[in-house]
Amino acid sequence: MKKDIHPANYREVVFKDMSNEEIFITRSTVATRETIEIDGVTYPLVKLEITSSSHPFFTGKQKLVDTAGRVDKFMSRYSVRNKK
């Protein structure tokens, strides 16, 4: 194996899924300013919107994410066309 090719800041990091509050502790070099304490140990924290624990493909559950009423606006606009 080649020497000195791996990054120096390779450490344990917590990835947190914000939609279901699930956390994953893994090793990474990602830069972050936030930290979280788990079992008395402080880890760097990376917040994620969606992971395999909340993605519909992996969970088998479909979930509509309504951002500022966009889904309702779309449904009201295009549901009229389906009725004709």
PDB file of N, CA and C in Angstrom:
ATOM      1  N   MET A   1       0.835  -1.175   0.000  1.00  0.00           N
ATOM      2  CA  MET A   1       0.000   0.000   0.000  1.00  0.00           C
ATOM      3  C   MET A   1       0.886   1.246   0.000  1.00  0.00           C
ATOM      4  N   LYS A   2       0.385   2.281  -0.659  1.00  0.00           N
ATOM      5  CA  LYS A   2       1.119   3.544  -0.699  1.00  0.00           C
ATOM      6  C   LYS A   2       0.999   4.263   0.641  1.00  0.00           C
ATOM      7  N   LYS A   3       2.053   4.928   1.035  1.00  0.00           N
ATOM      8  CA  LYS A   3       2.048   5.671   2.287  1.00  0.00           C
ATOM      9  C   LYS A   3       1.658   7.119   2.024  1.00  0.00           C
ATOM     10  N   ASP A   4       1.064   7.745   3.031  1.00  0.00           N
ATOM     11  CA  ASP A   4       0.721   9.170   3.021  1.00  0.00           C
ATOM     12  C   ASP A   4      -0.268   9.570   1.925  1.00  0.00           C
ATOM     13  N   ILE A   5      -1.203   8.685   1.575  1.00  0.00           N
ATOM     14  CA  ILE A   5      -2.220   9.056   0.589  1.00  0.00           C
ATOM     15  C   ILE A   5      -3.584   9.305   1.237  1.00  0.00           C
ATOM     16  N   HIS A   6      -3.720   8.924   2.500  1.00  0.00           N
ATOM     17  CA  HIS A   6      -4.994   9.112   3.187  1.00  0.00           C
ATOM     18  C   HIS A   6      -5.025  10.456   3.906  1.00  0.00           C
ATOM     19  N   PRO A   7      -6.211  11.094   3.971  1.00  0.00           N
ATOM     20  CA  PRO A   7      -6.309  12.390   4.648  1.00  0.00           C
ATOM     21  C   PRO A   7      -6.011  12.270   6.145  1.00  0.00           C
ATOM     22  N   ALA A   8      -5.503  13.349   6.702  1.00  0.00           N
ATOM     23  CA  ALA A   8      -5.118  13.345   8.115  1.00  0.00           C
ATOM     24  C   ALA A   8      -6.316  13.537   9.041  1.00  0.00           C
ATOM     25  N   ASN A   9      -7.403  14.156   8.557  1.00  0.00           N
ATOM     26  CA  ASN A   9      -8.546  14.453   9.427  1.00  0.00           C
ATOM     27  C   ASN A   9      -9.653  13.394   9.326  1.00  0.00           C
ATOM     28  N   TYR A  10      -9.301  12.159   9.082  1.00  0.00           N
ATOM     29  CA  TYR A  10     -10.254  11.054   9.003  1.00  0.00           C
ATOM     30  C   TYR A  10     -10.656  10.673  10.423  1.00  0.00           C
ATOM     31  N   ARG A  11     -11.953  10.896  10.775  1.00  0.00           N
ATOM     32  CA  ARG A  11     -12.402  10.678  12.145  1.00  0.00           C
ATOM     33  C   ARG A  11     -13.856  10.239  12.158  1.00  0.00           C
ATOM     34  N   GLU A  12     -14.360   9.859  13.343  1.00  0.00           N
ATOM     35  CA  GLU A  12     -15.758   9.476  13.469  1.00  0.00           C
ATOM     36  C   GLU A  12     -16.633  10.714  13.419  1.00  0.00           C
ATOM     37  N   VAL A  13     -17.731  10.628  12.631  1.00  0.00           N
ATOM     38  CA  VAL A  13     -18.657  11.744  12.423  1.00  0.00           C
ATOM     39  C   VAL A  13     -20.075  11.199  12.555  1.00  0.00           C
ATOM     40  N   VAL A  14     -20.984  12.027  13.082  1.00  0.00           N
ATOM     41  CA  VAL A  14     -22.392  11.650  13.190  1.00  0.00           C
ATOM     42  C   VAL A  14     -23.150  12.289  12.035  1.00  0.00           C
ATOM     43  N   PHE A  15     -23.882  11.465  11.287  1.00  0.00           N
ATOM     44  CA  PHE A  15     -24.792  11.933  10.251  1.00  0.00           C
ATOM     45  C   PHE A  15     -26.204  11.781  10.801  1.00  0.00           C
ATOM     46  N   LYS A  16     -26.986  12.870  10.803  1.00  0.00           N
ATOM     47  CA  LYS A  16     -28.328  12.862  11.386  1.00  0.00           C
ATOM     48  C   LYS A  16     -29.366  13.143  10.307  1.00  0.00           C
ATOM     49  N   ASP A  17     -30.329  12.235  10.162  1.00  0.00           N
ATOM     50  CA  ASP A  17     -31.442  12.410   9.232  1.00  0.00           C
ATOM     51  C   ASP A  17     -32.473  13.305   9.914  1.00  0.00           C
ATOM     52  N   MET A  18     -32.710  14.491   9.375  1.00  0.00           N
ATOM     53  CA  MET A  18     -33.581  15.461  10.017  1.00  0.00           C
ATOM     54  C   MET A  18     -35.062  15.111   9.879  1.00  0.00           C
ATOM     55  N   SER A  19     -35.433  14.239   8.944  1.00  0.00           N
ATOM     56  CA  SER A  19     -36.845  13.906   8.782  1.00  0.00           C
ATOM     57  C   SER A  19     -37.328  12.879   9.796  1.00  0.00           C
ATOM     58  N   ASN A  20     -36.442  11.999  10.276  1.00  0.00           N
ATOM     59  CA  ASN A  20     -36.878  11.006  11.267  1.00  0.00           C
ATOM     60  C   ASN A  20     -35.940  10.912  12.473  1.00  0.00           C
ATOM     61  N   GLU A  21     -34.990  11.861  12.590  1.00  0.00           N
ATOM     62  CA  GLU A  21     -34.099  11.975  13.746  1.00  0.00           C
ATOM     63  C   GLU A  21     -33.184  10.762  13.950  1.00  0.00           C
ATOM     64  N   GLU A  22     -32.988   9.931  12.944  1.00  0.00           N
ATOM     65  CA  GLU A  22     -32.093   8.791  13.071  1.00  0.00           C
ATOM     66  C   GLU A  22     -30.653   9.257  12.870  1.00  0.00           C
ATOM     67  N   ILE A  23     -29.726   8.643  13.611  1.00  0.00           N
ATOM     68  CA  ILE A  23     -28.329   9.039  13.508  1.00  0.00           C
ATOM     69  C   ILE A  23     -27.478   7.843  13.070  1.00  0.00           C
ATOM     70  N   PHE A  24     -26.390   8.159  12.369  1.00  0.00           N
ATOM     71  CA  PHE A  24     -25.409   7.172  11.931  1.00  0.00           C
ATOM     72  C   PHE A  24     -24.038   7.678  12.350  1.00  0.00           C
ATOM     73  N   ILE A  25     -23.249   6.828  12.969  1.00  0.00           N
ATOM     74  CA  ILE A  25     -21.881   7.187  13.314  1.00  0.00           C
ATOM     75  C   ILE A  25     -20.975   6.409  12.371  1.00  0.00           C
ATOM     76  N   THR A  26     -20.174   7.142  11.626  1.00  0.00           N
ATOM     77  CA  THR A  26     -19.259   6.522  10.677  1.00  0.00           C
ATOM     78  C   THR A  26     -18.002   7.372  10.589  1.00  0.00           C
ATOM     79  N   ARG A  27     -17.027   6.916   9.853  1.00  0.00           N
ATOM     80  CA  ARG A  27     -15.782   7.660   9.702  1.00  0.00           C
ATOM     81  C   ARG A  27     -15.835   8.473   8.420  1.00  0.00           C
ATOM     82  N   SER A  28     -15.380   9.726   8.505  1.00  0.00           N
ATOM     83  CA  SER A  28     -15.446  10.628   7.361  1.00  0.00           C
ATOM     84  C   SER A  28     -14.442  11.756   7.518  1.00  0.00           C
ATOM     85  N   THR A  29     -14.235  12.489   6.422  1.00  0.00           N
ATOM     86  CA  THR A  29     -13.374  13.673   6.441  1.00  0.00           C
ATOM     87  C   THR A  29     -14.185  14.940   6.227  1.00  0.00           C
ATOM     88  N   VAL A  30     -15.497  14.845   6.247  1.00  0.00           N
ATOM     89  CA  VAL A  30     -16.360  15.985   5.972  1.00  0.00           C
ATOM     90  C   VAL A  30     -16.120  17.097   7.002  1.00  0.00           C
ATOM     91  N   ALA A  31     -16.123  18.346   6.516  1.00  0.00           N
ATOM     92  CA  ALA A  31     -15.912  19.495   7.396  1.00  0.00           C
ATOM     93  C   ALA A  31     -17.256  19.995   7.913  1.00  0.00           C
ATOM     94  N   THR A  32     -17.358  20.218   9.213  1.00  0.00           N
ATOM     95  CA  THR A  32     -18.592  20.702   9.815  1.00  0.00           C
ATOM     96  C   THR A  32     -18.259  21.537  11.046  1.00  0.00           C
ATOM     97  N   ARG A  33     -19.163  22.462  11.367  1.00  0.00           N
ATOM     98  CA  ARG A  33     -18.954  23.318  12.541  1.00  0.00           C
ATOM     99  C   ARG A  33     -19.788  22.860  13.736  1.00  0.00           C
ATOM    100  N   GLU A  34     -20.820  22.075  13.500  1.00  0.00           N
ATOM    101  CA  GLU A  34     -21.704  21.639  14.576  1.00  0.00           C
ATOM    102  C   GLU A  34     -21.174  20.358  15.208  1.00  0.00           C
ATOM    103  N   THR A  35     -21.520  20.177  16.486  1.00  0.00           N
ATOM    104  CA  THR A  35     -21.137  18.968  17.206  1.00  0.00           C
ATOM    105  C   THR A  35     -22.349  18.428  17.953  1.00  0.00           C
ATOM    106  N   ILE A  36     -22.256  17.166  18.330  1.00  0.00           N
ATOM    107  CA  ILE A  36     -23.302  16.513  19.112  1.00  0.00           C
ATOM    108  C   ILE A  36     -22.627  15.572  20.095  1.00  0.00           C
ATOM    109  N   GLU A  37     -23.229  15.434  21.275  1.00  0.00           N
ATOM    110  CA  GLU A  37     -22.673  14.538  22.284  1.00  0.00           C
ATOM    111  C   GLU A  37     -23.531  13.287  22.375  1.00  0.00           C
ATOM    112  N   ILE A  38     -22.897  12.137  22.219  1.00  0.00           N
ATOM    113  CA  ILE A  38     -23.582  10.849  22.297  1.00  0.00           C
ATOM    114  C   ILE A  38     -22.784   9.963  23.249  1.00  0.00           C
ATOM    115  N   ASP A  39     -23.434   9.507  24.300  1.00  0.00           N
ATOM    116  CA  ASP A  39     -22.815   8.647  25.316  1.00  0.00           C
ATOM    117  C   ASP A  39     -21.539   9.256  25.888  1.00  0.00           C
ATOM    118  N   GLY A  40     -21.550  10.566  26.108  1.00  0.00           N
ATOM    119  CA  GLY A  40     -20.415  11.240  26.714  1.00  0.00           C
ATOM    120  C   GLY A  40     -19.276  11.571  25.767  1.00  0.00           C
ATOM    121  N   VAL A  41     -19.429  11.241  24.482  1.00  0.00           N
ATOM    122  CA  VAL A  41     -18.394  11.523  23.484  1.00  0.00           C
ATOM    123  C   VAL A  41     -18.929  12.590  22.529  1.00  0.00           C
ATOM    124  N   THR A  42     -18.130  13.603  22.242  1.00  0.00           N
ATOM    125  CA  THR A  42     -18.526  14.676  21.337  1.00  0.00           C
ATOM    126  C   THR A  42     -18.036  14.353  19.928  1.00  0.00           C
ATOM    127  N   TYR A  43     -18.978  14.369  18.967  1.00  0.00           N
ATOM    128  CA  TYR A  43     -18.686  14.079  17.562  1.00  0.00           C
ATOM    129  C   TYR A  43     -19.048  15.284  16.705  1.00  0.00           C
ATOM    130  N   PRO A  44     -18.389  15.458  15.549  1.00  0.00           N
ATOM    131  CA  PRO A  44     -18.855  16.437  14.565  1.00  0.00           C
ATOM    132  C   PRO A  44     -20.200  15.978  14.016  1.00  0.00           C
ATOM    133  N   LEU A  45     -21.104  16.922  13.717  1.00  0.00           N
ATOM    134  CA  LEU A  45     -22.456  16.598  13.278  1.00  0.00           C
ATOM    135  C   LEU A  45     -22.696  17.105  11.859  1.00  0.00           C
ATOM    136  N   VAL A  46     -23.243  16.224  11.006  1.00  0.00           N
ATOM    137  CA  VAL A  46     -23.655  16.589   9.654  1.00  0.00           C
ATOM    138  C   VAL A  46     -25.145  16.306   9.557  1.00  0.00           C
ATOM    139  N   LYS A  47     -25.941  17.338   9.238  1.00  0.00           N
ATOM    140  CA  LYS A  47     -27.386  17.185   9.127  1.00  0.00           C
ATOM    141  C   LYS A  47     -27.757  16.893   7.673  1.00  0.00           C
ATOM    142  N   LEU A  48     -28.583  15.861   7.476  1.00  0.00           N
ATOM    143  CA  LEU A  48     -29.023  15.453   6.147  1.00  0.00           C
ATOM    144  C   LEU A  48     -30.535  15.536   6.051  1.00  0.00           C
ATOM    145  N   GLU A  49     -31.051  15.912   4.892  1.00  0.00           N
ATOM    146  CA  GLU A  49     -32.496  15.990   4.692  1.00  0.00           C
ATOM    147  C   GLU A  49     -33.104  14.610   4.477  1.00  0.00           C
ATOM    148  N   ILE A  50     -32.386  13.744   3.773  1.00  0.00           N
ATOM    149  CA  ILE A  50     -32.935  12.425   3.465  1.00  0.00           C
ATOM    150  C   ILE A  50     -31.797  11.414   3.415  1.00  0.00           C
ATOM    151  N   THR A  51     -32.055  10.229   3.968  1.00  0.00           N
ATOM    152  CA  THR A  51     -31.082   9.141   3.959  1.00  0.00           C
ATOM    153  C   THR A  51     -31.813   7.866   3.573  1.00  0.00           C
ATOM    154  N   SER A  52     -31.113   6.754   3.614  1.00  0.00           N
ATOM    155  CA  SER A  52     -31.744   5.481   3.283  1.00  0.00           C
ATOM    156  C   SER A  52     -32.825   5.101   4.289  1.00  0.00           C
ATOM    157  N   SER A  53     -32.772   5.648   5.500  1.00  0.00           N
ATOM    158  CA  SER A  53     -33.789   5.320   6.506  1.00  0.00           C
ATOM    159  C   SER A  53     -35.089   6.096   6.298  1.00  0.00           C
ATOM    160  N   SER A  54     -35.069   7.137   5.449  1.00  0.00           N
ATOM    161  CA  SER A  54     -36.289   7.907   5.224  1.00  0.00           C
ATOM    162  C   SER A  54     -36.674   8.017   3.747  1.00  0.00           C
ATOM    163  N   HIS A  55     -35.843   7.536   2.836  1.00  0.00           N
ATOM    164  CA  HIS A  55     -36.138   7.644   1.406  1.00  0.00           C
ATOM    165  C   HIS A  55     -37.224   6.637   1.028  1.00  0.00           C
ATOM    166  N   PRO A  56     -38.228   7.055   0.244  1.00  0.00           N
ATOM    167  CA  PRO A  56     -39.331   6.153  -0.126  1.00  0.00           C
ATOM    168  C   PRO A  56     -38.877   4.889  -0.849  1.00  0.00           C
ATOM    169  N   PHE A  57     -37.813   4.943  -1.609  1.00  0.00           N
ATOM    170  CA  PHE A  57     -37.340   3.751  -2.314  1.00  0.00           C
ATOM    171  C   PHE A  57     -36.930   2.659  -1.328  1.00  0.00           C
ATOM    172  N   PHE A  58     -36.264   3.033  -0.245  1.00  0.00           N
ATOM    173  CA  PHE A  58     -35.780   2.058   0.722  1.00  0.00           C
ATOM    174  C   PHE A  58     -36.821   1.695   1.772  1.00  0.00           C
ATOM    175  N   THR A  59     -37.725   2.626   2.103  1.00  0.00           N
ATOM    176  CA  THR A  59     -38.716   2.357   3.138  1.00  0.00           C
ATOM    177  C   THR A  59     -39.990   1.726   2.587  1.00  0.00           C
ATOM    178  N   GLY A  60     -40.282   1.947   1.308  1.00  0.00           N
ATOM    179  CA  GLY A  60     -41.514   1.429   0.708  1.00  0.00           C
ATOM    180  C   GLY A  60     -42.719   2.283   1.020  1.00  0.00           C
ATOM    181  N   LYS A  61     -42.532   3.418   1.664  1.00  0.00           N
ATOM    182  CA  LYS A  61     -43.619   4.322   2.020  1.00  0.00           C
ATOM    183  C   LYS A  61     -43.501   5.597   1.197  1.00  0.00           C
ATOM    184  N   GLN A  62     -44.580   5.992   0.559  1.00  0.00           N
ATOM    185  CA  GLN A  62     -44.594   7.219  -0.220  1.00  0.00           C
ATOM    186  C   GLN A  62     -44.957   8.377   0.698  1.00  0.00           C
ATOM    187  N   LYS A  63     -44.238   9.475   0.600  1.00  0.00           N
ATOM    188  CA  LYS A  63     -44.484  10.623   1.462  1.00  0.00           C
ATOM    189  C   LYS A  63     -44.398  11.884   0.615  1.00  0.00           C
ATOM    190  N   LEU A  64     -45.444  12.693   0.631  1.00  0.00           N
ATOM    191  CA  LEU A  64     -45.428  13.957  -0.088  1.00  0.00           C
ATOM    192  C   LEU A  64     -44.816  15.029   0.793  1.00  0.00           C
ATOM    193  N   VAL A  65     -43.863  15.736   0.252  1.00  0.00           N
ATOM    194  CA  VAL A  65     -43.253  16.837   0.968  1.00  0.00           C
ATOM    195  C   VAL A  65     -43.841  18.114   0.390  1.00  0.00           C
ATOM    196  N   ASP A  66     -44.628  18.800   1.192  1.00  0.00           N
ATOM    197  CA  ASP A  66     -45.303  20.009   0.737  1.00  0.00           C
ATOM    198  C   ASP A  66     -44.467  21.219   1.122  1.00  0.00           C
ATOM    199  N   THR A  67     -43.928  21.882   0.123  1.00  0.00           N
ATOM    200  CA  THR A  67     -43.120  23.063   0.352  1.00  0.00           C
ATOM    201  C   THR A  67     -43.927  24.283  -0.041  1.00  0.00           C
ATOM    202  N   ALA A  68     -44.406  25.011   0.943  1.00  0.00           N
ATOM    203  CA  ALA A  68     -45.157  26.258   0.757  1.00  0.00           C
ATOM    204  C   ALA A  68     -46.393  26.063  -0.108  1.00  0.00           C
ATOM    205  N   GLY A  69     -47.078  24.931   0.048  1.00  0.00           N
ATOM    206  CA  GLY A  69     -48.333  24.708  -0.659  1.00  0.00           C
ATOM    207  C   GLY A  69     -48.184  24.377  -2.128  1.00  0.00           C
ATOM    208  N   ARG A  70     -47.007  24.006  -2.583  1.00  0.00           N
ATOM    209  CA  ARG A  70     -46.789  23.726  -3.998  1.00  0.00           C
ATOM    210  C   ARG A  70     -47.556  22.509  -4.467  1.00  0.00           C
ATOM    211  N   VAL A  71     -47.662  21.492  -3.621  1.00  0.00           N
ATOM    212  CA  VAL A  71     -48.393  20.286  -4.000  1.00  0.00           C
ATOM    213  C   VAL A  71     -49.873  20.616  -4.160  1.00  0.00           C
ATOM    214  N   ASP A  72     -50.442  21.371  -3.217  1.00  0.00           N
ATOM    215  CA  ASP A  72     -51.848  21.757  -3.305  1.00  0.00           C
ATOM    216  C   ASP A  72     -52.104  22.617  -4.534  1.00  0.00           C
ATOM    217  N   LYS A  73     -51.208  23.521  -4.822  1.00  0.00           N
ATOM    218  CA  LYS A  73     -51.354  24.385  -5.989  1.00  0.00           C
ATOM    219  C   LYS A  73     -51.326  23.549  -7.275  1.00  0.00           C
ATOM    220  N   PHE A  74     -50.411  22.596  -7.345  1.00  0.00           N
ATOM    221  CA  PHE A  74     -50.317  21.725  -8.514  1.00  0.00           C
ATOM    222  C   PHE A  74     -51.593  20.907  -8.676  1.00  0.00           C
ATOM    223  N   MET A  75     -52.066  20.323  -7.576  1.00  0.00           N
ATOM    224  CA  MET A  75     -53.266  19.480  -7.634  1.00  0.00           C
ATOM    225  C   MET A  75     -54.485  20.295  -8.037  1.00  0.00           C
ATOM    226  N   SER A  76     -54.626  21.509  -7.521  1.00  0.00           N
ATOM    227  CA  SER A  76     -55.783  22.321  -7.872  1.00  0.00           C
ATOM    228  C   SER A  76     -55.711  22.774  -9.331  1.00  0.00           C
ATOM    229  N   ARG A  77     -54.536  23.029  -9.827  1.00  0.00           N
ATOM    230  CA  ARG A  77     -54.373  23.489 -11.197  1.00  0.00           C
ATOM    231  C   ARG A  77     -54.661  22.373 -12.211  1.00  0.00           C
ATOM    232  N   TYR A  78     -54.140  21.184 -11.963  1.00  0.00           N
ATOM    233  CA  TYR A  78     -54.229  20.118 -12.940  1.00  0.00           C
ATOM    234  C   TYR A  78     -55.351  19.119 -12.679  1.00  0.00           C
ATOM    235  N   SER A  79     -56.026  19.200 -11.561  1.00  0.00           N
ATOM    236  CA  SER A  79     -57.163  18.309 -11.323  1.00  0.00           C
ATOM    237  C   SER A  79     -58.360  18.726 -12.184  1.00  0.00           C
ATOM    238  N   VAL A  80     -58.422  19.980 -12.581  1.00  0.00           N
ATOM    239  CA  VAL A  80     -59.511  20.471 -13.446  1.00  0.00           C
ATOM    240  C   VAL A  80     -59.409  19.805 -14.820  1.00  0.00           C
ATOM    241  N   ARG A  81     -58.225  19.606 -15.318  1.00  0.00           N
ATOM    242  CA  ARG A  81     -58.034  18.971 -16.628  1.00  0.00           C
ATOM    243  C   ARG A  81     -58.490  17.521 -16.640  1.00  0.00           C
ATOM    244  N   ASN A  82     -58.306  16.824 -15.528  1.00  0.00           N
ATOM    245  CA  ASN A  82     -58.702  15.412 -15.454  1.00  0.00           C
ATOM    246  C   ASN A  82     -60.209  15.241 -15.400  1.00  0.00           C
ATOM    247  N   LYS A  83     -60.944  16.236 -14.919  1.00  0.00           N
ATOM    248  CA  LYS A  83     -62.398  16.145 -14.794  1.00  0.00           C
ATOM    249  C   LYS A  83     -63.088  16.321 -16.134  1.00  0.00           C
ATOM    250  N   LYS A  84     -62.486  17.047 -17.069  1.00  0.00           N
ATOM    251  CA  LYS A  84     -63.109  17.320 -18.362  1.00  0.00           C
ATOM    252  C   LYS A  84     -63.180  16.112 -19.243  1.00  0.00           C
TER     253      LYS A  84
END
